[in-house]
Amino acid sequence: MPRYEYRCRACGERFELRRPMAEAEAPAPCPQGHEETSRVLSVFADLRARAETVGPPAGGCGPGCACAS
């Protein structure tokens, strides 16, 4: 089951919940009991997006790398 990260708009706390994909956008009260929360991009997803944007290092990823040009 995937994990989703949320941030509370009232207190700023970030927290994770494991829930089915169909419930990813469902309300998620924060551990402090506040109701106003929003889903945020996780650090893992952010790092992956940055890596895809930047691409492989100049000269490829290493010896024998197919992406070297």
PDB file of N, CA and C in Angstrom:
ATOM      1  N   MET A   1       0.850  -1.164   0.000  1.00  0.00           N
ATOM      2  CA  MET A   1       0.000   0.000   0.000  1.00  0.00           C
ATOM      3  C   MET A   1       0.902   1.236   0.000  1.00  0.00           C
ATOM      4  N   PRO A   2       0.633   2.206  -0.876  1.00  0.00           N
ATOM      5  CA  PRO A   2       1.493   3.393  -0.954  1.00  0.00           C
ATOM      6  C   PRO A   2       1.374   4.306   0.262  1.00  0.00           C
ATOM      7  N   ARG A   3       2.423   5.072   0.477  1.00  0.00           N
ATOM      8  CA  ARG A   3       2.442   6.079   1.535  1.00  0.00           C
ATOM      9  C   ARG A   3       2.270   7.446   0.890  1.00  0.00           C
ATOM     10  N   TYR A   4       1.511   8.283   1.538  1.00  0.00           N
ATOM     11  CA  TYR A   4       1.303   9.642   1.064  1.00  0.00           C
ATOM     12  C   TYR A   4       1.690  10.605   2.172  1.00  0.00           C
ATOM     13  N   GLU A   5       2.283  11.715   1.788  1.00  0.00           N
ATOM     14  CA  GLU A   5       2.714  12.710   2.758  1.00  0.00           C
ATOM     15  C   GLU A   5       1.741  13.889   2.722  1.00  0.00           C
ATOM     16  N   TYR A   6       1.422  14.381   3.901  1.00  0.00           N
ATOM     17  CA  TYR A   6       0.470  15.480   4.054  1.00  0.00           C
ATOM     18  C   TYR A   6       1.079  16.549   4.946  1.00  0.00           C
ATOM     19  N   ARG A   7       0.557  17.772   4.839  1.00  0.00           N
ATOM     20  CA  ARG A   7       0.976  18.878   5.703  1.00  0.00           C
ATOM     21  C   ARG A   7      -0.273  19.537   6.262  1.00  0.00           C
ATOM     22  N   CYS A   8      -0.236  19.808   7.559  1.00  0.00           N
ATOM     23  CA  CYS A   8      -1.347  20.470   8.221  1.00  0.00           C
ATOM     24  C   CYS A   8      -1.230  21.970   7.992  1.00  0.00           C
ATOM     25  N   ARG A   9      -2.313  22.576   7.541  1.00  0.00           N
ATOM     26  CA  ARG A   9      -2.304  24.022   7.298  1.00  0.00           C
ATOM     27  C   ARG A   9      -2.387  24.809   8.607  1.00  0.00           C
ATOM     28  N   ALA A  10      -2.922  24.202   9.645  1.00  0.00           N
ATOM     29  CA  ALA A  10      -3.081  24.896  10.931  1.00  0.00           C
ATOM     30  C   ALA A  10      -1.777  24.942  11.733  1.00  0.00           C
ATOM     31  N   CYS A  11      -1.084  23.796  11.849  1.00  0.00           N
ATOM     32  CA  CYS A  11       0.116  23.755  12.696  1.00  0.00           C
ATOM     33  C   CYS A  11       1.410  23.521  11.918  1.00  0.00           C
ATOM     34  N   GLY A  12       1.309  23.190  10.613  1.00  0.00           N
ATOM     35  CA  GLY A  12       2.499  22.994   9.787  1.00  0.00           C
ATOM     36  C   GLY A  12       3.124  21.620   9.887  1.00  0.00           C
ATOM     37  N   GLU A  13       2.600  20.741  10.713  1.00  0.00           N
ATOM     38  CA  GLU A  13       3.175  19.407  10.868  1.00  0.00           C
ATOM     39  C   GLU A  13       3.040  18.607   9.574  1.00  0.00           C
ATOM     40  N   ARG A  14       4.108  17.866   9.239  1.00  0.00           N
ATOM     41  CA  ARG A  14       4.078  16.965   8.085  1.00  0.00           C
ATOM     42  C   ARG A  14       3.954  15.557   8.620  1.00  0.00           C
ATOM     43  N   PHE A  15       3.140  14.751   7.951  1.00  0.00           N
ATOM     44  CA  PHE A  15       2.935  13.373   8.398  1.00  0.00           C
ATOM     45  C   PHE A  15       2.626  12.500   7.195  1.00  0.00           C
ATOM     46  N   GLU A  16       2.810  11.192   7.373  1.00  0.00           N
ATOM     47  CA  GLU A  16       2.564  10.219   6.315  1.00  0.00           C
ATOM     48  C   GLU A  16       1.412   9.317   6.696  1.00  0.00           C
ATOM     49  N   LEU A  17       0.704   8.851   5.679  1.00  0.00           N
ATOM     50  CA  LEU A  17      -0.351   7.859   5.867  1.00  0.00           C
ATOM     51  C   LEU A  17      -0.213   6.797   4.798  1.00  0.00           C
ATOM     52  N   ARG A  18      -0.421   5.550   5.192  1.00  0.00           N
ATOM     53  CA  ARG A  18      -0.521   4.453   4.228  1.00  0.00           C
ATOM     54  C   ARG A  18      -1.985   4.274   3.920  1.00  0.00           C
ATOM     55  N   ARG A  19      -2.318   4.378   2.639  1.00  0.00           N
ATOM     56  CA  ARG A  19      -3.712   4.215   2.240  1.00  0.00           C
ATOM     57  C   ARG A  19      -3.773   3.820   0.777  1.00  0.00           C
ATOM     58  N   PRO A  20      -4.885   3.233   0.368  1.00  0.00           N
ATOM     59  CA  PRO A  20      -5.031   2.849  -1.043  1.00  0.00           C
ATOM     60  C   PRO A  20      -4.953   4.080  -1.950  1.00  0.00           C
ATOM     61  N   MET A  21      -4.528   3.880  -3.174  1.00  0.00           N
ATOM     62  CA  MET A  21      -4.419   4.975  -4.134  1.00  0.00           C
ATOM     63  C   MET A  21      -5.750   5.695  -4.315  1.00  0.00           C
ATOM     64  N   ALA A  22      -6.840   4.975  -4.248  1.00  0.00           N
ATOM     65  CA  ALA A  22      -8.165   5.576  -4.419  1.00  0.00           C
ATOM     66  C   ALA A  22      -8.478   6.579  -3.316  1.00  0.00           C
ATOM     67  N   GLU A  23      -7.774   6.499  -2.176  1.00  0.00           N
ATOM     68  CA  GLU A  23      -8.016   7.399  -1.052  1.00  0.00           C
ATOM     69  C   GLU A  23      -6.934   8.470  -0.904  1.00  0.00           C
ATOM     70  N   ALA A  24      -6.052   8.604  -1.887  1.00  0.00           N
ATOM     71  CA  ALA A  24      -4.934   9.542  -1.792  1.00  0.00           C
ATOM     72  C   ALA A  24      -5.387  10.974  -1.553  1.00  0.00           C
ATOM     73  N   GLU A  25      -6.486  11.386  -2.165  1.00  0.00           N
ATOM     74  CA  GLU A  25      -6.963  12.762  -2.035  1.00  0.00           C
ATOM     75  C   GLU A  25      -8.046  12.924  -0.962  1.00  0.00           C
ATOM     76  N   ALA A  26      -8.382  11.842  -0.282  1.00  0.00           N
ATOM     77  CA  ALA A  26      -9.405  11.904   0.773  1.00  0.00           C
ATOM     78  C   ALA A  26      -8.885  12.736   1.947  1.00  0.00           C
ATOM     79  N   PRO A  27      -9.780  13.349   2.732  1.00  0.00           N
ATOM     80  CA  PRO A  27      -9.341  14.130   3.900  1.00  0.00           C
ATOM     81  C   PRO A  27      -8.455  13.291   4.824  1.00  0.00           C
ATOM     82  N   ALA A  28      -7.421  13.949   5.356  1.00  0.00           N
ATOM     83  CA  ALA A  28      -6.472  13.272   6.238  1.00  0.00           C
ATOM     84  C   ALA A  28      -6.184  14.167   7.433  1.00  0.00           C
ATOM     85  N   PRO A  29      -6.916  14.021   8.536  1.00  0.00           N
ATOM     86  CA  PRO A  29      -6.669  14.875   9.700  1.00  0.00           C
ATOM     87  C   PRO A  29      -5.262  14.664  10.251  1.00  0.00           C
ATOM     88  N   CYS A  30      -4.634  15.743  10.688  1.00  0.00           N
ATOM     89  CA  CYS A  30      -3.268  15.641  11.211  1.00  0.00           C
ATOM     90  C   CYS A  30      -3.286  14.966  12.583  1.00  0.00           C
ATOM     91  N   PRO A  31      -2.136  14.478  13.036  1.00  0.00           N
ATOM     92  CA  PRO A  31      -2.055  13.820  14.338  1.00  0.00           C
ATOM     93  C   PRO A  31      -2.502  14.714  15.506  1.00  0.00           C
ATOM     94  N   GLN A  32      -2.465  16.038  15.324  1.00  0.00           N
ATOM     95  CA  GLN A  32      -2.897  16.974  16.363  1.00  0.00           C
ATOM     96  C   GLN A  32      -4.405  17.204  16.327  1.00  0.00           C
ATOM     97  N   GLY A  33      -5.100  16.605  15.333  1.00  0.00           N
ATOM     98  CA  GLY A  33      -6.550  16.708  15.257  1.00  0.00           C
ATOM     99  C   GLY A  33      -7.082  17.790  14.336  1.00  0.00           C
ATOM    100  N   HIS A  34      -6.212  18.555  13.699  1.00  0.00           N
ATOM    101  CA  HIS A  34      -6.664  19.586  12.774  1.00  0.00           C
ATOM    102  C   HIS A  34      -7.185  18.953  11.480  1.00  0.00           C
ATOM    103  N   GLU A  35      -8.178  19.556  10.896  1.00  0.00           N
ATOM    104  CA  GLU A  35      -8.806  19.001   9.694  1.00  0.00           C
ATOM    105  C   GLU A  35      -8.235  19.542   8.388  1.00  0.00           C
ATOM    106  N   GLU A  36      -7.702  20.757   8.384  1.00  0.00           N
ATOM    107  CA  GLU A  36      -7.228  21.370   7.143  1.00  0.00           C
ATOM    108  C   GLU A  36      -5.827  20.886   6.799  1.00  0.00           C
ATOM    109  N   THR A  37      -5.749  19.904   5.929  1.00  0.00           N
ATOM    110  CA  THR A  37      -4.467  19.369   5.492  1.00  0.00           C
ATOM    111  C   THR A  37      -4.432  19.323   3.975  1.00  0.00           C
ATOM    112  N   SER A  38      -3.234  19.209   3.438  1.00  0.00           N
ATOM    113  CA  SER A  38      -3.089  19.052   1.996  1.00  0.00           C
ATOM    114  C   SER A  38      -1.988  18.039   1.726  1.00  0.00           C
ATOM    115  N   ARG A  39      -2.137  17.314   0.645  1.00  0.00           N
ATOM    116  CA  ARG A  39      -1.128  16.340   0.258  1.00  0.00           C
ATOM    117  C   ARG A  39       0.044  17.073  -0.351  1.00  0.00           C
ATOM    118  N   VAL A  40       1.253  16.646  -0.016  1.00  0.00           N
ATOM    119  CA  VAL A  40       2.457  17.284  -0.547  1.00  0.00           C
ATOM    120  C   VAL A  40       3.279  16.253  -1.309  1.00  0.00           C
ATOM    121  N   LEU A  41       4.128  16.748  -2.171  1.00  0.00           N
ATOM    122  CA  LEU A  41       5.027  15.892  -2.922  1.00  0.00           C
ATOM    123  C   LEU A  41       6.068  15.347  -1.959  1.00  0.00           C
ATOM    124  N   SER A  42       6.254  14.045  -1.939  1.00  0.00           N
ATOM    125  CA  SER A  42       7.215  13.458  -1.005  1.00  0.00           C
ATOM    126  C   SER A  42       8.639  13.773  -1.438  1.00  0.00           C
ATOM    127  N   VAL A  43       9.577  13.669  -0.520  1.00  0.00           N
ATOM    128  CA  VAL A  43      10.978  13.921  -0.815  1.00  0.00           C
ATOM    129  C   VAL A  43      11.463  12.950  -1.880  1.00  0.00           C
ATOM    130  N   PHE A  44      11.067  11.695  -1.792  1.00  0.00           N
ATOM    131  CA  PHE A  44      11.487  10.697  -2.773  1.00  0.00           C
ATOM    132  C   PHE A  44      11.013  11.086  -4.164  1.00  0.00           C
ATOM    133  N   ALA A  45       9.760  11.447  -4.308  1.00  0.00           N
ATOM    134  CA  ALA A  45       9.219  11.834  -5.611  1.00  0.00           C
ATOM    135  C   ALA A  45       9.925  13.078  -6.120  1.00  0.00           C
ATOM    136  N   ASP A  46      10.233  14.033  -5.229  1.00  0.00           N
ATOM    137  CA  ASP A  46      10.907  15.260  -5.617  1.00  0.00           C
ATOM    138  C   ASP A  46      12.316  14.949  -6.116  1.00  0.00           C
ATOM    139  N   LEU A  47      13.049  14.083  -5.422  1.00  0.00           N
ATOM    140  CA  LEU A  47      14.403  13.734  -5.842  1.00  0.00           C
ATOM    141  C   LEU A  47      14.400  13.016  -7.182  1.00  0.00           C
ATOM    142  N   ARG A  48      13.437  12.139  -7.379  1.00  0.00           N
ATOM    143  CA  ARG A  48      13.338  11.422  -8.645  1.00  0.00           C
ATOM    144  C   ARG A  48      13.039  12.401  -9.784  1.00  0.00           C
ATOM    145  N   ALA A  49      12.139  13.336  -9.568  1.00  0.00           N
ATOM    146  CA  ALA A  49      11.802  14.325 -10.588  1.00  0.00           C
ATOM    147  C   ALA A  49      13.018  15.172 -10.933  1.00  0.00           C
ATOM    148  N   ARG A  50      13.792  15.552  -9.924  1.00  0.00           N
ATOM    149  CA  ARG A  50      14.996  16.346 -10.183  1.00  0.00           C
ATOM    150  C   ARG A  50      16.005  15.552 -10.996  1.00  0.00           C
ATOM    151  N   ALA A  51      16.181  14.278 -10.684  1.00  0.00           N
ATOM    152  CA  ALA A  51      17.129  13.442 -11.408  1.00  0.00           C
ATOM    153  C   ALA A  51      16.719  13.302 -12.868  1.00  0.00           C
ATOM    154  N   GLU A  52      15.424  13.166 -13.125  1.00  0.00           N
ATOM    155  CA  GLU A  52      14.945  13.043 -14.497  1.00  0.00           C
ATOM    156  C   GLU A  52      15.113  14.352 -15.247  1.00  0.00           C
ATOM    157  N   THR A  53      15.004  15.478 -14.569  1.00  0.00           N
ATOM    158  CA  THR A  53      15.156  16.780 -15.203  1.00  0.00           C
ATOM    159  C   THR A  53      16.614  17.049 -15.544  1.00  0.00           C
ATOM    160  N   VAL A  54      17.496  16.712 -14.613  1.00  0.00           N
ATOM    161  CA  VAL A  54      18.916  16.972 -14.796  1.00  0.00           C
ATOM    162  C   VAL A  54      19.530  15.988 -15.775  1.00  0.00           C
ATOM    163  N   GLY A  55      19.149  14.724 -15.699  1.00  0.00           N
ATOM    164  CA  GLY A  55      19.697  13.700 -16.587  1.00  0.00           C
ATOM    165  C   GLY A  55      21.012  13.154 -16.071  1.00  0.00           C
ATOM    166  N   PRO A  56      21.623  12.262 -16.831  1.00  0.00           N
ATOM    167  CA  PRO A  56      22.862  11.637 -16.386  1.00  0.00           C
ATOM    168  C   PRO A  56      24.021  12.635 -16.430  1.00  0.00           C
ATOM    169  N   PRO A  57      25.072  12.377 -15.663  1.00  0.00           N
ATOM    170  CA  PRO A  57      26.231  13.258 -15.669  1.00  0.00           C
ATOM    171  C   PRO A  57      26.932  13.239 -17.025  1.00  0.00           C
ATOM    172  N   ALA A  58      27.680  14.290 -17.320  1.00  0.00           N
ATOM    173  CA  ALA A  58      28.422  14.353 -18.579  1.00  0.00           C
ATOM    174  C   ALA A  58      29.337  13.148 -18.683  1.00  0.00           C
ATOM    175  N   GLY A  59      29.377  12.530 -19.818  1.00  0.00           N
ATOM    176  CA  GLY A  59      30.212  11.356 -20.007  1.00  0.00           C
ATOM    177  C   GLY A  59      29.539  10.064 -19.593  1.00  0.00           C
ATOM    178  N   GLY A  60      28.283  10.121 -19.181  1.00  0.00           N
ATOM    179  CA  GLY A  60      27.562   8.913 -18.818  1.00  0.00           C
ATOM    180  C   GLY A  60      27.585   8.642 -17.332  1.00  0.00           C
ATOM    181  N   CYS A  61      26.972   7.551 -16.947  1.00  0.00           N
ATOM    182  CA  CYS A  61      26.840   7.195 -15.533  1.00  0.00           C
ATOM    183  C   CYS A  61      28.072   6.457 -15.003  1.00  0.00           C
ATOM    184  N   GLY A  62      28.856   5.886 -15.887  1.00  0.00           N
ATOM    185  CA  GLY A  62      30.021   5.139 -15.459  1.00  0.00           C
ATOM    186  C   GLY A  62      30.534   4.265 -16.591  1.00  0.00           C
ATOM    187  N   PRO A  63      31.545   3.458 -16.334  1.00  0.00           N
ATOM    188  CA  PRO A  63      32.102   2.598 -17.381  1.00  0.00           C
ATOM    189  C   PRO A  63      31.034   1.686 -17.992  1.00  0.00           C
ATOM    190  N   GLY A  64      30.976   1.653 -19.292  1.00  0.00           N
ATOM    191  CA  GLY A  64      30.033   0.785 -19.987  1.00  0.00           C
ATOM    192  C   GLY A  64      28.607   1.307 -20.002  1.00  0.00           C
ATOM    193  N   CYS A  65      28.388   2.526 -19.571  1.00  0.00           N
ATOM    194  CA  CYS A  65      27.036   3.080 -19.517  1.00  0.00           C
ATOM    195  C   CYS A  65      26.509   3.335 -20.920  1.00  0.00           C
ATOM    196  N   ALA A  66      25.280   2.940 -21.166  1.00  0.00           N
ATOM    197  CA  ALA A  66      24.681   3.115 -22.480  1.00  0.00           C
ATOM    198  C   ALA A  66      24.276   4.560 -22.749  1.00  0.00           C
ATOM    199  N   CYS A  67      24.203   5.397 -21.718  1.00  0.00           N
ATOM    200  CA  CYS A  67      23.767   6.777 -21.944  1.00  0.00           C
ATOM    201  C   CYS A  67      24.935   7.700 -22.280  1.00  0.00           C
ATOM    202  N   ALA A  68      26.174   7.205 -22.250  1.00  0.00           N
ATOM    203  CA  ALA A  68      27.336   8.034 -22.601  1.00  0.00           C
ATOM    204  C   ALA A  68      27.286   8.380 -24.067  1.00  0.00           C
ATOM    205  N   SER A  69      27.567   9.646 -24.368  1.00  0.00           N
ATOM    206  CA  SER A  69      27.574  10.038 -25.774  1.00  0.00           C
ATOM    207  C   SER A  69      28.860  10.736 -26.118  1.00  0.00           C
TER     208      SER A  69
END
